């Protein structure tokens, strides 16, 4: 059962790659989706970095008050 599932995943991936390689619309859709995902990841990373900086600044202020 697991072998059939793995085989289906592999064949699906190969079929999807062939479809994208031969279709301009599919290729442009994939590129657009990748750009959107990368933009969202960048925004999330910026938010995390800002949160870490604000946490570090808060800890430094607490240390200097003591």
PDB file of N, CA and C in Angstrom:
ATOM      1  N   UNK A   1       0.824  -1.193   0.000  1.00  0.00           N
ATOM      2  CA  UNK A   1       0.000   0.000   0.000  1.00  0.00           C
ATOM      3  C   UNK A   1       0.870   1.259   0.000  1.00  0.00           C
ATOM      4  N   UNK A   2       1.897   1.257   0.863  1.00  0.00           N
ATOM      5  CA  UNK A   2       2.781   2.414   0.925  1.00  0.00           C
ATOM      6  C   UNK A   2       3.578   2.581  -0.360  1.00  0.00           C
ATOM      7  N   UNK A   3       3.947   1.459  -0.966  1.00  0.00           N
ATOM      8  CA  UNK A   3       4.703   1.521  -2.212  1.00  0.00           C
ATOM      9  C   UNK A   3       3.851   2.143  -3.316  1.00  0.00           C
ATOM     10  N   UNK A   4       2.581   1.786  -3.351  1.00  0.00           N
ATOM     11  CA  UNK A   4       1.688   2.343  -4.372  1.00  0.00           C
ATOM     12  C   UNK A   4       1.496   3.842  -4.160  1.00  0.00           C
ATOM     13  N   UNK A   5       1.392   4.249  -2.889  1.00  0.00           N
ATOM     14  CA  UNK A   5       1.236   5.666  -2.591  1.00  0.00           C
ATOM     15  C   UNK A   5       2.474   6.440  -3.039  1.00  0.00           C
ATOM     16  N   UNK A   6       3.649   5.917  -2.694  1.00  0.00           N
ATOM     17  CA  UNK A   6       4.897   6.577  -3.092  1.00  0.00           C
ATOM     18  C   UNK A   6       5.029   6.633  -4.610  1.00  0.00           C
ATOM     19  N   UNK A   7       4.657   5.569  -5.265  1.00  0.00           N
ATOM     20  CA  UNK A   7       4.708   5.534  -6.725  1.00  0.00           C
ATOM     21  C   UNK A   7       3.753   6.574  -7.312  1.00  0.00           C
ATOM     22  N   UNK A   8       2.578   6.701  -6.742  1.00  0.00           N
ATOM     23  CA  UNK A   8       1.622   7.698  -7.205  1.00  0.00           C
ATOM     24  C   UNK A   8       2.128   9.119  -7.007  1.00  0.00           C
ATOM     25  N   UNK A   9       2.779   9.359  -5.877  1.00  0.00           N
ATOM     26  CA  UNK A   9       3.340  10.694  -5.615  1.00  0.00           C
ATOM     27  C   UNK A   9       4.434  11.017  -6.625  1.00  0.00           C
ATOM     28  N   UNK A  10       5.304  10.046  -6.881  1.00  0.00           N
ATOM     29  CA  UNK A  10       6.398  10.258  -7.831  1.00  0.00           C
ATOM     30  C   UNK A  10       5.848  10.504  -9.232  1.00  0.00           C
ATOM     31  N   UNK A  11       4.898   9.680  -9.656  1.00  0.00           N
ATOM     32  CA  UNK A  11       4.325   9.860 -10.993  1.00  0.00           C
ATOM     33  C   UNK A  11       3.572  11.189 -11.102  1.00  0.00           C
ATOM     34  N   UNK A  12       2.896  11.580 -10.040  1.00  0.00           N
ATOM     35  CA  UNK A  12       2.205  12.869 -10.039  1.00  0.00           C
ATOM     36  C   UNK A  12       3.174  14.030 -10.131  1.00  0.00           C
ATOM     37  N   UNK A  13       4.291  13.927  -9.421  1.00  0.00           N
ATOM     38  CA  UNK A  13       5.297  14.981  -9.478  1.00  0.00           C
ATOM     39  C   UNK A  13       5.907  15.083 -10.875  1.00  0.00           C
ATOM     40  N   UNK A  14       6.187  13.941 -11.473  1.00  0.00           N
ATOM     41  CA  UNK A  14       6.748  13.938 -12.830  1.00  0.00           C
ATOM     42  C   UNK A  14       5.727  14.503 -13.817  1.00  0.00           C
ATOM     43  N   UNK A  15       4.485  14.085 -13.706  1.00  0.00           N
ATOM     44  CA  UNK A  15       3.436  14.607 -14.588  1.00  0.00           C
ATOM     45  C   UNK A  15       3.254  16.109 -14.415  1.00  0.00           C
ATOM     46  N   UNK A  16       3.276  16.578 -13.189  1.00  0.00           N
ATOM     47  CA  UNK A  16       3.152  18.014 -12.932  1.00  0.00           C
ATOM     48  C   UNK A  16       4.323  18.792 -13.501  1.00  0.00           C
ATOM     49  N   UNK A  17       5.526  18.241 -13.365  1.00  0.00           N
ATOM     50  CA  UNK A  17       6.710  18.907 -13.918  1.00  0.00           C
ATOM     51  C   UNK A  17       6.630  18.976 -15.443  1.00  0.00           C
ATOM     52  N   UNK A  18       6.160  17.908 -16.068  1.00  0.00           N
ATOM     53  CA  UNK A  18       6.013  17.925 -17.531  1.00  0.00           C
ATOM     54  C   UNK A  18       4.947  18.920 -17.972  1.00  0.00           C
ATOM     55  N   UNK A  19       3.867  18.983 -17.229  1.00  0.00           N
ATOM     56  CA  UNK A  19       2.802  19.929 -17.557  1.00  0.00           C
ATOM     57  C   UNK A  19       3.311  21.361 -17.470  1.00  0.00           C
ATOM     58  N   UNK A  20       4.015  21.682 -16.397  1.00  0.00           N
ATOM     59  CA  UNK A  20       4.534  23.038 -16.205  1.00  0.00           C
ATOM     60  C   UNK A  20       5.591  23.359 -17.250  1.00  0.00           C
ATOM     61  N   UNK A  21       6.421  22.375 -17.598  1.00  0.00           N
ATOM     62  CA  UNK A  21       7.489  22.607 -18.566  1.00  0.00           C
ATOM     63  C   UNK A  21       6.932  22.885 -19.961  1.00  0.00           C
ATOM     64  N   UNK A  22       5.765  22.325 -20.271  1.00  0.00           N
ATOM     65  CA  UNK A  22       5.232  22.458 -21.622  1.00  0.00           C
ATOM     66  C   UNK A  22       4.091  23.462 -21.742  1.00  0.00           C
ATOM     67  N   UNK A  23       3.676  24.070 -20.653  1.00  0.00           N
ATOM     68  CA  UNK A  23       2.545  24.982 -20.708  1.00  0.00           C
ATOM     69  C   UNK A  23       2.958  26.358 -20.185  1.00  0.00           C
ATOM     70  N   UNK A  24       2.822  27.367 -21.024  1.00  0.00           N
ATOM     71  CA  UNK A  24       3.196  28.728 -20.627  1.00  0.00           C
ATOM     72  C   UNK A  24       2.303  29.235 -19.499  1.00  0.00           C
ATOM     73  N   UNK A  25       1.010  28.959 -19.575  1.00  0.00           N
ATOM     74  CA  UNK A  25       0.090  29.424 -18.539  1.00  0.00           C
ATOM     75  C   UNK A  25       0.416  28.799 -17.190  1.00  0.00           C
ATOM     76  N   UNK A  26       0.673  27.511 -17.191  1.00  0.00           N
ATOM     77  CA  UNK A  26       0.997  26.822 -15.940  1.00  0.00           C
ATOM     78  C   UNK A  26       2.321  27.339 -15.385  1.00  0.00           C
ATOM     79  N   UNK A  27       3.296  27.567 -16.242  1.00  0.00           N
ATOM     80  CA  UNK A  27       4.600  28.067 -15.814  1.00  0.00           C
ATOM     81  C   UNK A  27       4.480  29.455 -15.208  1.00  0.00           C
ATOM     82  N   UNK A  28       3.704  30.318 -15.854  1.00  0.00           N
ATOM     83  CA  UNK A  28       3.542  31.669 -15.312  1.00  0.00           C
ATOM     84  C   UNK A  28       2.759  31.640 -13.996  1.00  0.00           C
ATOM     85  N   UNK A  29       1.812  30.721 -13.865  1.00  0.00           N
ATOM     86  CA  UNK A  29       1.065  30.583 -12.619  1.00  0.00           C
ATOM     87  C   UNK A  29       1.985  30.129 -11.479  1.00  0.00           C
ATOM     88  N   UNK A  30       2.872  29.183 -11.784  1.00  0.00           N
ATOM     89  CA  UNK A  30       3.815  28.701 -10.775  1.00  0.00           C
ATOM     90  C   UNK A  30       4.756  29.828 -10.348  1.00  0.00           C
ATOM     91  N   UNK A  31       5.265  30.588 -11.304  1.00  0.00           N
ATOM     92  CA  UNK A  31       6.166  31.697 -10.967  1.00  0.00           C
ATOM     93  C   UNK A  31       5.455  32.746 -10.125  1.00  0.00           C
ATOM     94  N   UNK A  32       4.215  33.049 -10.479  1.00  0.00           N
ATOM     95  CA  UNK A  32       3.443  34.034  -9.723  1.00  0.00           C
ATOM     96  C   UNK A  32       3.207  33.551  -8.300  1.00  0.00           C
ATOM     97  N   UNK A  33       2.855  32.289  -8.161  1.00  0.00           N
ATOM     98  CA  UNK A  33       2.623  31.721  -6.833  1.00  0.00           C
ATOM     99  C   UNK A  33       3.897  31.705  -6.006  1.00  0.00           C
ATOM    100  N   UNK A  34       5.020  31.378  -6.630  1.00  0.00           N
ATOM    101  CA  UNK A  34       6.296  31.394  -5.914  1.00  0.00           C
ATOM    102  C   UNK A  34       6.629  32.793  -5.427  1.00  0.00           C
ATOM    103  N   UNK A  35       6.388  33.793  -6.252  1.00  0.00           N
ATOM    104  CA  UNK A  35       6.669  35.170  -5.854  1.00  0.00           C
ATOM    105  C   UNK A  35       5.794  35.585  -4.673  1.00  0.00           C
ATOM    106  N   UNK A  36       4.517  35.191  -4.702  1.00  0.00           N
ATOM    107  CA  UNK A  36       3.620  35.522  -3.599  1.00  0.00           C
ATOM    108  C   UNK A  36       4.055  34.851  -2.305  1.00  0.00           C
ATOM    109  N   UNK A  37       4.451  33.593  -2.393  1.00  0.00           N
ATOM    110  CA  UNK A  37       4.897  32.866  -1.201  1.00  0.00           C
ATOM    111  C   UNK A  37       6.167  33.511  -0.646  1.00  0.00           C
ATOM    112  N   UNK A  38       7.105  33.843  -1.508  1.00  0.00           N
ATOM    113  CA  UNK A  38       8.348  34.457  -1.052  1.00  0.00           C
ATOM    114  C   UNK A  38       8.078  35.809  -0.394  1.00  0.00           C
ATOM    115  N   UNK A  39       7.145  36.581  -0.933  1.00  0.00           N
ATOM    116  CA  UNK A  39       6.798  37.872  -0.351  1.00  0.00           C
ATOM    117  C   UNK A  39       6.204  37.692   1.050  1.00  0.00           C
ATOM    118  N   UNK A  40       5.323  36.724   1.197  1.00  0.00           N
ATOM    119  CA  UNK A  40       4.714  36.472   2.505  1.00  0.00           C
ATOM    120  C   UNK A  40       5.750  35.978   3.505  1.00  0.00           C
ATOM    121  N   UNK A  41       6.679  35.137   3.055  1.00  0.00           N
ATOM    122  CA  UNK A  41       7.734  34.657   3.943  1.00  0.00           C
ATOM    123  C   UNK A  41       8.620  35.819   4.387  1.00  0.00           C
ATOM    124  N   UNK A  42       8.954  36.707   3.455  1.00  0.00           N
ATOM    125  CA  UNK A  42       9.751  37.878   3.808  1.00  0.00           C
ATOM    126  C   UNK A  42       9.044  38.750   4.837  1.00  0.00           C
ATOM    127  N   UNK A  43       7.735  38.947   4.659  1.00  0.00           N
ATOM    128  CA  UNK A  43       6.971  39.750   5.616  1.00  0.00           C
ATOM    129  C   UNK A  43       6.963  39.094   6.995  1.00  0.00           C
ATOM    130  N   UNK A  44       6.777  37.781   7.024  1.00  0.00           N
ATOM    131  CA  UNK A  44       6.775  37.073   8.305  1.00  0.00           C
ATOM    132  C   UNK A  44       8.131  37.158   8.985  1.00  0.00           C
ATOM    133  N   UNK A  45       9.206  37.030   8.220  1.00  0.00           N
ATOM    134  CA  UNK A  45      10.549  37.117   8.797  1.00  0.00           C
ATOM    135  C   UNK A  45      10.812  38.521   9.333  1.00  0.00           C
ATOM    136  N   UNK A  46      10.370  39.548   8.614  1.00  0.00           N
ATOM    137  CA  UNK A  46      10.528  40.919   9.091  1.00  0.00           C
ATOM    138  C   UNK A  46       9.790  41.121  10.402  1.00  0.00           C
ATOM    139  N   UNK A  47       8.581  40.588  10.498  1.00  0.00           N
ATOM    140  CA  UNK A  47       7.807  40.713  11.737  1.00  0.00           C
ATOM    141  C   UNK A  47       8.518  40.020  12.894  1.00  0.00           C
ATOM    142  N   UNK A  48       9.045  38.849  12.646  1.00  0.00           N
ATOM    143  CA  UNK A  48       9.756  38.113  13.705  1.00  0.00           C
ATOM    144  C   UNK A  48      11.007  38.857  14.138  1.00  0.00           C
ATOM    145  N   UNK A  49      11.754  39.380  13.167  1.00  0.00           N
ATOM    146  CA  UNK A  49      12.969  40.122  13.510  1.00  0.00           C
ATOM    147  C   UNK A  49      12.637  41.362  14.323  1.00  0.00           C
ATOM    148  N   UNK A  50      11.585  42.066  13.937  1.00  0.00           N
ATOM    149  CA  UNK A  50      11.183  43.250  14.690  1.00  0.00           C
ATOM    150  C   UNK A  50      10.731  42.883  16.096  1.00  0.00           C
ATOM    151  N   UNK A  51      10.036  41.780  16.230  1.00  0.00           N
ATOM    152  CA  UNK A  51       9.591  41.330  17.545  1.00  0.00           C
ATOM    153  C   UNK A  51      10.786  40.964  18.418  1.00  0.00           C
ATOM    154  N   UNK A  52      11.770  40.307  17.840  1.00  0.00           N
ATOM    155  CA  UNK A  52      12.966  39.947  18.600  1.00  0.00           C
ATOM    156  C   UNK A  52      13.729  41.192  19.030  1.00  0.00           C
ATOM    157  N   UNK A  53      13.833  42.176  18.136  1.00  0.00           N
ATOM    158  CA  UNK A  53      14.536  43.412  18.483  1.00  0.00           C
ATOM    159  C   UNK A  53      13.826  44.138  19.611  1.00  0.00           C
ATOM    160  N   UNK A  54      12.509  44.187  19.541  1.00  0.00           N
ATOM    161  CA  UNK A  54      11.770  44.881  20.596  1.00  0.00           C
ATOM    162  C   UNK A  54      11.881  44.119  21.918  1.00  0.00           C
ATOM    163  N   UNK A  55      11.906  42.775  21.866  1.00  0.00           N
ATOM    164  CA  UNK A  55      12.085  41.977  23.081  1.00  0.00           C
ATOM    165  C   UNK A  55      13.475  42.215  23.679  1.00  0.00           C
ATOM    166  N   UNK A  56      14.486  42.270  22.824  1.00  0.00           N
ATOM    167  CA  UNK A  56      15.844  42.504  23.307  1.00  0.00           C
ATOM    168  C   UNK A  56      15.968  43.891  23.918  1.00  0.00           C
ATOM    169  N   UNK A  57      15.342  44.892  23.303  1.00  0.00           N
ATOM    170  CA  UNK A  57      15.396  46.249  23.836  1.00  0.00           C
ATOM    171  C   UNK A  57      14.683  46.313  25.181  1.00  0.00           C
ATOM    172  N   UNK A  58      13.587  45.618  25.323  1.00  0.00           N
ATOM    173  CA  UNK A  58      12.848  45.583  26.579  1.00  0.00           C
ATOM    174  C   UNK A  58      13.652  44.932  27.688  1.00  0.00           C
ATOM    175  N   UNK A  59      14.371  43.866  27.368  1.00  0.00           N
ATOM    176  CA  UNK A  59      15.195  43.177  28.350  1.00  0.00           C
ATOM    177  C   UNK A  59      16.367  44.054  28.775  1.00  0.00           C
ATOM    178  N   UNK A  60      16.965  44.788  27.811  1.00  0.00           N
ATOM    179  CA  UNK A  60      18.085  45.662  28.138  1.00  0.00           C
ATOM    180  C   UNK A  60      17.634  46.790  29.062  1.00  0.00           C
ATOM    181  N   UNK A  61      16.442  47.330  28.819  1.00  0.00           N
ATOM    182  CA  UNK A  61      15.932  48.397  29.661  1.00  0.00           C
ATOM    183  C   UNK A  61      15.683  47.886  31.067  1.00  0.00           C
ATOM    184  N   UNK A  62      15.159  46.648  31.194  1.00  0.00           N
ATOM    185  CA  UNK A  62      14.919  46.071  32.511  1.00  0.00           C
ATOM    186  C   UNK A  62      16.230  45.861  33.259  1.00  0.00           C
ATOM    187  N   UNK A  63      17.260  45.433  32.555  1.00  0.00           N
ATOM    188  CA  UNK A  63      18.559  45.191  33.184  1.00  0.00           C
ATOM    189  C   UNK A  63      19.188  46.497  33.675  1.00  0.00           C
ATOM    190  N   UNK A  64      19.043  47.560  32.897  1.00  0.00           N
ATOM    191  CA  UNK A  64      19.653  48.834  33.292  1.00  0.00           C
ATOM    192  C   UNK A  64      18.904  49.488  34.436  1.00  0.00           C
ATOM    193  N   UNK A  65      17.610  49.215  34.602  1.00  0.00           N
ATOM    194  CA  UNK A  65      16.832  49.780  35.696  1.00  0.00           C
ATOM    195  C   UNK A  65      17.227  49.176  37.030  1.00  0.00           C
ATOM    196  N   UNK A  66      17.640  47.919  37.026  1.00  0.00           N
ATOM    197  CA  UNK A  66      18.008  47.237  38.286  1.00  0.00           C
ATOM    198  C   UNK A  66      19.317  47.752  38.740  1.00  0.00           C
TER     199      UNK A  66
END
